[in-house]
């Protein structure tokens, strides 16, 4: 699979510097192998390209990140349950590997998610049909800013 992202950052509330906002783009590629009906194995490269241009005309290029993960499908009270775990490594000297884990339970077409990674909790929900999926995630991201992050995604299937 492949993902393309439009990025927008605004730090004007955190620092009083002219040009404290940015725009950019990012690309990710991944492979998913379904080993059994319940077990999937995945590998992806996040941020193959990650470019941001700040209002000061400075440019920022983030390093790529390699991620390997496993997912196991089962049921809980007859509802589909997905348990997952992964390990990732930023492709730059001085960074240590990170591990994460999560769970997703789906009731009808509405998914509820809870996860833990990089010493922070995440939560989210998603709604999907046969051809499209809308997702929302709330991430506590104190390592980069004092604010938390809200992510919204739209995925199409063909």
C-alpha atoms as a PDB file:
ATOM      1  CA  UNK A   1       0.000   0.000   0.000  1.00  0.00           C
ATOM      2  CA  UNK A   2       0.904   3.638  -0.231  1.00  0.00           C
ATOM      3  CA  UNK A   3      -0.052   6.788   1.647  1.00  0.00           C
ATOM      4  CA  UNK A   4       0.316  10.431   0.671  1.00  0.00           C
ATOM      5  CA  UNK A   5      -0.187  13.140   3.313  1.00  0.00           C
ATOM      6  CA  UNK A   6      -0.578  16.894   3.280  1.00  0.00           C
ATOM      7  CA  UNK A   7       1.058  18.349   6.404  1.00  0.00           C
ATOM      8  CA  UNK A   8       0.283  21.576   8.210  1.00  0.00           C
ATOM      9  CA  UNK A   9       1.952  22.856  11.401  1.00  0.00           C
ATOM     10  CA  UNK A  10       1.132  25.966  13.384  1.00  0.00           C
ATOM     11  CA  UNK A  11       3.235  26.884  16.401  1.00  0.00           C
ATOM     12  CA  UNK A  12       2.196  30.554  16.621  1.00  0.00           C
ATOM     13  CA  UNK A  13       0.531  29.954  20.009  1.00  0.00           C
ATOM     14  CA  UNK A  14       3.683  28.372  21.453  1.00  0.00           C
ATOM     15  CA  UNK A  15       6.366  30.769  20.273  1.00  0.00           C
ATOM     16  CA  UNK A  16       6.248  34.412  19.251  1.00  0.00           C
ATOM     17  CA  UNK A  17       8.319  34.188  16.078  1.00  0.00           C
ATOM     18  CA  UNK A  18       7.283  35.387  12.655  1.00  0.00           C
ATOM     19  CA  UNK A  19       6.732  32.460  10.269  1.00  0.00           C
ATOM     20  CA  UNK A  20       5.951  29.817  12.935  1.00  0.00           C
ATOM     21  CA  UNK A  21       3.667  27.872  10.614  1.00  0.00           C
ATOM     22  CA  UNK A  22       4.496  25.368   7.890  1.00  0.00           C
ATOM     23  CA  UNK A  23       3.038  23.212   5.134  1.00  0.00           C
ATOM     24  CA  UNK A  24       4.420  20.099   3.514  1.00  0.00           C
ATOM     25  CA  UNK A  25       3.888  16.571   2.279  1.00  0.00           C
ATOM     26  CA  UNK A  26       4.868  13.011   3.154  1.00  0.00           C
ATOM     27  CA  UNK A  27       4.820   9.583   1.484  1.00  0.00           C
ATOM     28  CA  UNK A  28       4.743   6.088   3.048  1.00  0.00           C
ATOM     29  CA  UNK A  29       4.975   2.609   1.473  1.00  0.00           C
ATOM     30  CA  UNK A  30       4.138  -0.718   3.106  1.00  0.00           C
ATOM     31  CA  UNK A  31       3.605  -4.443   2.621  1.00  0.00           C
ATOM     32  CA  UNK A  32       1.087  -6.652   4.421  1.00  0.00           C
ATOM     33  CA  UNK A  33       1.167 -10.441   4.396  1.00  0.00           C
ATOM     34  CA  UNK A  34      -1.693 -12.488   5.810  1.00  0.00           C
ATOM     35  CA  UNK A  35       0.087 -15.589   7.187  1.00  0.00           C
ATOM     36  CA  UNK A  36      -3.124 -17.217   8.432  1.00  0.00           C
ATOM     37  CA  UNK A  37      -6.777 -16.222   8.713  1.00  0.00           C
ATOM     38  CA  UNK A  38      -5.970 -14.638  12.096  1.00  0.00           C
ATOM     39  CA  UNK A  39      -2.311 -13.539  11.811  1.00  0.00           C
ATOM     40  CA  UNK A  40      -0.943 -10.731   9.638  1.00  0.00           C
ATOM     41  CA  UNK A  41       2.656  -9.542   9.320  1.00  0.00           C
ATOM     42  CA  UNK A  42       3.518  -6.084   8.069  1.00  0.00           C
ATOM     43  CA  UNK A  43       6.474  -3.904   7.152  1.00  0.00           C
ATOM     44  CA  UNK A  44       6.438  -0.263   6.117  1.00  0.00           C
ATOM     45  CA  UNK A  45       8.706   2.696   5.579  1.00  0.00           C
ATOM     46  CA  UNK A  46       7.188   5.869   7.002  1.00  0.00           C
ATOM     47  CA  UNK A  47       8.264   9.198   5.615  1.00  0.00           C
ATOM     48  CA  UNK A  48      10.086   7.993   2.522  1.00  0.00           C
ATOM     49  CA  UNK A  49       9.779  11.668   1.711  1.00  0.00           C
ATOM     50  CA  UNK A  50       8.772  14.174   4.393  1.00  0.00           C
ATOM     51  CA  UNK A  51       9.174  17.810   3.470  1.00  0.00           C
ATOM     52  CA  UNK A  52       7.945  20.918   5.303  1.00  0.00           C
ATOM     53  CA  UNK A  53       8.448  24.574   4.386  1.00  0.00           C
ATOM     54  CA  UNK A  54       8.157  27.068   7.228  1.00  0.00           C
ATOM     55  CA  UNK A  55       6.956  30.659   6.995  1.00  0.00           C
ATOM     56  CA  UNK A  56      10.579  31.741   7.482  1.00  0.00           C
ATOM     57  CA  UNK A  57      11.399  30.012   4.146  1.00  0.00           C
ATOM     58  CA  UNK A  58      13.419  27.359   5.988  1.00  0.00           C
ATOM     59  CA  UNK A  59      12.929  23.761   4.895  1.00  0.00           C
ATOM     60  CA  UNK A  60      12.703  20.674   7.099  1.00  0.00           C
ATOM     61  CA  UNK A  61      13.191  17.113   5.878  1.00  0.00           C
ATOM     62  CA  UNK A  62      12.396  14.358   8.399  1.00  0.00           C
ATOM     63  CA  UNK A  63      14.239  11.008   8.384  1.00  0.00           C
ATOM     64  CA  UNK A  64      12.406   7.851   7.369  1.00  0.00           C
ATOM     65  CA  UNK A  65      11.198   5.280   9.910  1.00  0.00           C
ATOM     66  CA  UNK A  66      11.113   1.497   9.463  1.00  0.00           C
ATOM     67  CA  UNK A  67       8.264  -0.393  11.147  1.00  0.00           C
ATOM     68  CA  UNK A  68       7.618  -4.139  11.593  1.00  0.00           C
ATOM     69  CA  UNK A  69       4.360  -5.347  13.111  1.00  0.00           C
ATOM     70  CA  UNK A  70       2.076  -8.260  13.860  1.00  0.00           C
ATOM     71  CA  UNK A  71      -1.703  -8.326  14.137  1.00  0.00           C
ATOM     72  CA  UNK A  72      -3.939 -11.081  15.465  1.00  0.00           C
ATOM     73  CA  UNK A  73      -7.691 -11.281  14.769  1.00  0.00           C
ATOM     74  CA  UNK A  74     -10.059 -12.903  17.261  1.00  0.00           C
ATOM     75  CA  UNK A  75     -13.443 -12.129  18.858  1.00  0.00           C
ATOM     76  CA  UNK A  76     -14.615 -10.684  22.161  1.00  0.00           C
ATOM     77  CA  UNK A  77     -18.286 -11.229  23.066  1.00  0.00           C
ATOM     78  CA  UNK A  78     -18.809 -12.174  19.393  1.00  0.00           C
ATOM     79  CA  UNK A  79     -17.439  -8.793  18.177  1.00  0.00           C
ATOM     80  CA  UNK A  80     -14.308  -8.722  15.988  1.00  0.00           C
ATOM     81  CA  UNK A  81     -11.205  -7.867  18.026  1.00  0.00           C
ATOM     82  CA  UNK A  82      -7.818  -6.947  16.559  1.00  0.00           C
ATOM     83  CA  UNK A  83      -4.706  -7.084  18.769  1.00  0.00           C
ATOM     84  CA  UNK A  84      -1.495  -5.603  17.401  1.00  0.00           C
ATOM     85  CA  UNK A  85       2.093  -4.835  18.258  1.00  0.00           C
ATOM     86  CA  UNK A  86       4.989  -3.286  16.419  1.00  0.00           C
ATOM     87  CA  UNK A  87       8.565  -2.123  16.691  1.00  0.00           C
ATOM     88  CA  UNK A  88       9.973   0.854  14.806  1.00  0.00           C
ATOM     89  CA  UNK A  89      13.322   2.501  14.217  1.00  0.00           C
ATOM     90  CA  UNK A  90      14.050   5.992  12.881  1.00  0.00           C
ATOM     91  CA  UNK A  91      16.689   5.915  10.147  1.00  0.00           C
ATOM     92  CA  UNK A  92      19.061   8.351  11.849  1.00  0.00           C
ATOM     93  CA  UNK A  93      21.917   7.912  14.294  1.00  0.00           C
ATOM     94  CA  UNK A  94      21.091   8.434  17.957  1.00  0.00           C
ATOM     95  CA  UNK A  95      17.500   7.172  17.909  1.00  0.00           C
ATOM     96  CA  UNK A  96      16.457   4.060  19.827  1.00  0.00           C
ATOM     97  CA  UNK A  97      13.833   1.567  18.678  1.00  0.00           C
ATOM     98  CA  UNK A  98      10.276   2.072  19.943  1.00  0.00           C
ATOM     99  CA  UNK A  99       7.584  -0.527  20.611  1.00  0.00           C
ATOM    100  CA  UNK A 100       3.812  -0.137  20.577  1.00  0.00           C
ATOM    101  CA  UNK A 101       0.683  -2.170  21.185  1.00  0.00           C
ATOM    102  CA  UNK A 102      -3.003  -1.652  20.531  1.00  0.00           C
ATOM    103  CA  UNK A 103      -6.476  -3.123  20.371  1.00  0.00           C
ATOM    104  CA  UNK A 104      -9.490  -2.452  18.162  1.00  0.00           C
ATOM    105  CA  UNK A 105     -13.006  -3.763  18.662  1.00  0.00           C
ATOM    106  CA  UNK A 106     -15.625  -3.312  15.946  1.00  0.00           C
ATOM    107  CA  UNK A 107     -19.349  -3.081  16.624  1.00  0.00           C
ATOM    108  CA  UNK A 108     -21.309  -3.116  13.352  1.00  0.00           C
ATOM    109  CA  UNK A 109     -19.134  -0.834  11.179  1.00  0.00           C
ATOM    110  CA  UNK A 110     -17.896   1.389  14.026  1.00  0.00           C
ATOM    111  CA  UNK A 111     -14.399   0.664  15.395  1.00  0.00           C
ATOM    112  CA  UNK A 112     -13.076   1.721  18.810  1.00  0.00           C
ATOM    113  CA  UNK A 113      -9.297   1.796  19.367  1.00  0.00           C
ATOM    114  CA  UNK A 114      -6.908   2.093  22.304  1.00  0.00           C
ATOM    115  CA  UNK A 115      -3.129   1.981  22.106  1.00  0.00           C
ATOM    116  CA  UNK A 116       0.149   2.625  23.854  1.00  0.00           C
ATOM    117  CA  UNK A 117       3.413   3.704  22.237  1.00  0.00           C
ATOM    118  CA  UNK A 118       6.398   5.854  23.126  1.00  0.00           C
ATOM    119  CA  UNK A 119       5.149   6.168  26.745  1.00  0.00           C
ATOM    120  CA  UNK A 120       1.858   7.726  25.611  1.00  0.00           C
ATOM    121  CA  UNK A 121      -1.746   6.609  25.244  1.00  0.00           C
ATOM    122  CA  UNK A 122      -3.723   6.883  22.043  1.00  0.00           C
ATOM    123  CA  UNK A 123      -7.434   6.468  21.402  1.00  0.00           C
ATOM    124  CA  UNK A 124      -9.541   6.592  18.294  1.00  0.00           C
ATOM    125  CA  UNK A 125     -12.571   5.571  16.363  1.00  0.00           C
ATOM    126  CA  UNK A 126     -13.379   4.812  12.765  1.00  0.00           C
ATOM    127  CA  UNK A 127     -16.336   4.151  10.526  1.00  0.00           C
ATOM    128  CA  UNK A 128     -16.083   2.184   7.317  1.00  0.00           C
ATOM    129  CA  UNK A 129     -18.044   0.786   4.436  1.00  0.00           C
ATOM    130  CA  UNK A 130     -16.971  -1.491   1.615  1.00  0.00           C
ATOM    131  CA  UNK A 131     -15.149   1.263  -0.327  1.00  0.00           C
ATOM    132  CA  UNK A 132     -14.259   4.002   2.154  1.00  0.00           C
ATOM    133  CA  UNK A 133     -13.144   4.459   5.765  1.00  0.00           C
ATOM    134  CA  UNK A 134     -13.032   7.596   7.969  1.00  0.00           C
ATOM    135  CA  UNK A 135     -10.767   7.506  11.029  1.00  0.00           C
ATOM    136  CA  UNK A 136     -10.063   9.790  13.986  1.00  0.00           C
ATOM    137  CA  UNK A 137      -7.223   9.437  16.505  1.00  0.00           C
ATOM    138  CA  UNK A 138      -6.292  11.369  19.644  1.00  0.00           C
ATOM    139  CA  UNK A 139      -2.601  11.164  20.522  1.00  0.00           C
ATOM    140  CA  UNK A 140      -0.886  12.544  23.611  1.00  0.00           C
ATOM    141  CA  UNK A 141       2.320  13.869  22.085  1.00  0.00           C
ATOM    142  CA  UNK A 142       4.149  15.761  24.799  1.00  0.00           C
ATOM    143  CA  UNK A 143       7.603  15.008  23.363  1.00  0.00           C
ATOM    144  CA  UNK A 144       7.159  17.451  20.461  1.00  0.00           C
ATOM    145  CA  UNK A 145       4.690  20.059  21.728  1.00  0.00           C
ATOM    146  CA  UNK A 146       2.720  20.790  24.844  1.00  0.00           C
ATOM    147  CA  UNK A 147      -0.466  20.112  22.871  1.00  0.00           C
ATOM    148  CA  UNK A 148      -2.035  16.806  21.966  1.00  0.00           C
ATOM    149  CA  UNK A 149      -2.571  15.750  18.362  1.00  0.00           C
ATOM    150  CA  UNK A 150      -5.839  15.053  16.545  1.00  0.00           C
ATOM    151  CA  UNK A 151      -5.522  12.987  13.365  1.00  0.00           C
ATOM    152  CA  UNK A 152      -8.225  12.482  10.766  1.00  0.00           C
ATOM    153  CA  UNK A 153      -7.888  10.019   7.908  1.00  0.00           C
ATOM    154  CA  UNK A 154      -9.860   9.113   4.810  1.00  0.00           C
ATOM    155  CA  UNK A 155      -9.065   5.801   3.088  1.00  0.00           C
ATOM    156  CA  UNK A 156     -10.433   4.449  -0.178  1.00  0.00           C
ATOM    157  CA  UNK A 157     -10.389   0.778  -1.207  1.00  0.00           C
ATOM    158  CA  UNK A 158     -10.374  -0.635  -4.716  1.00  0.00           C
END
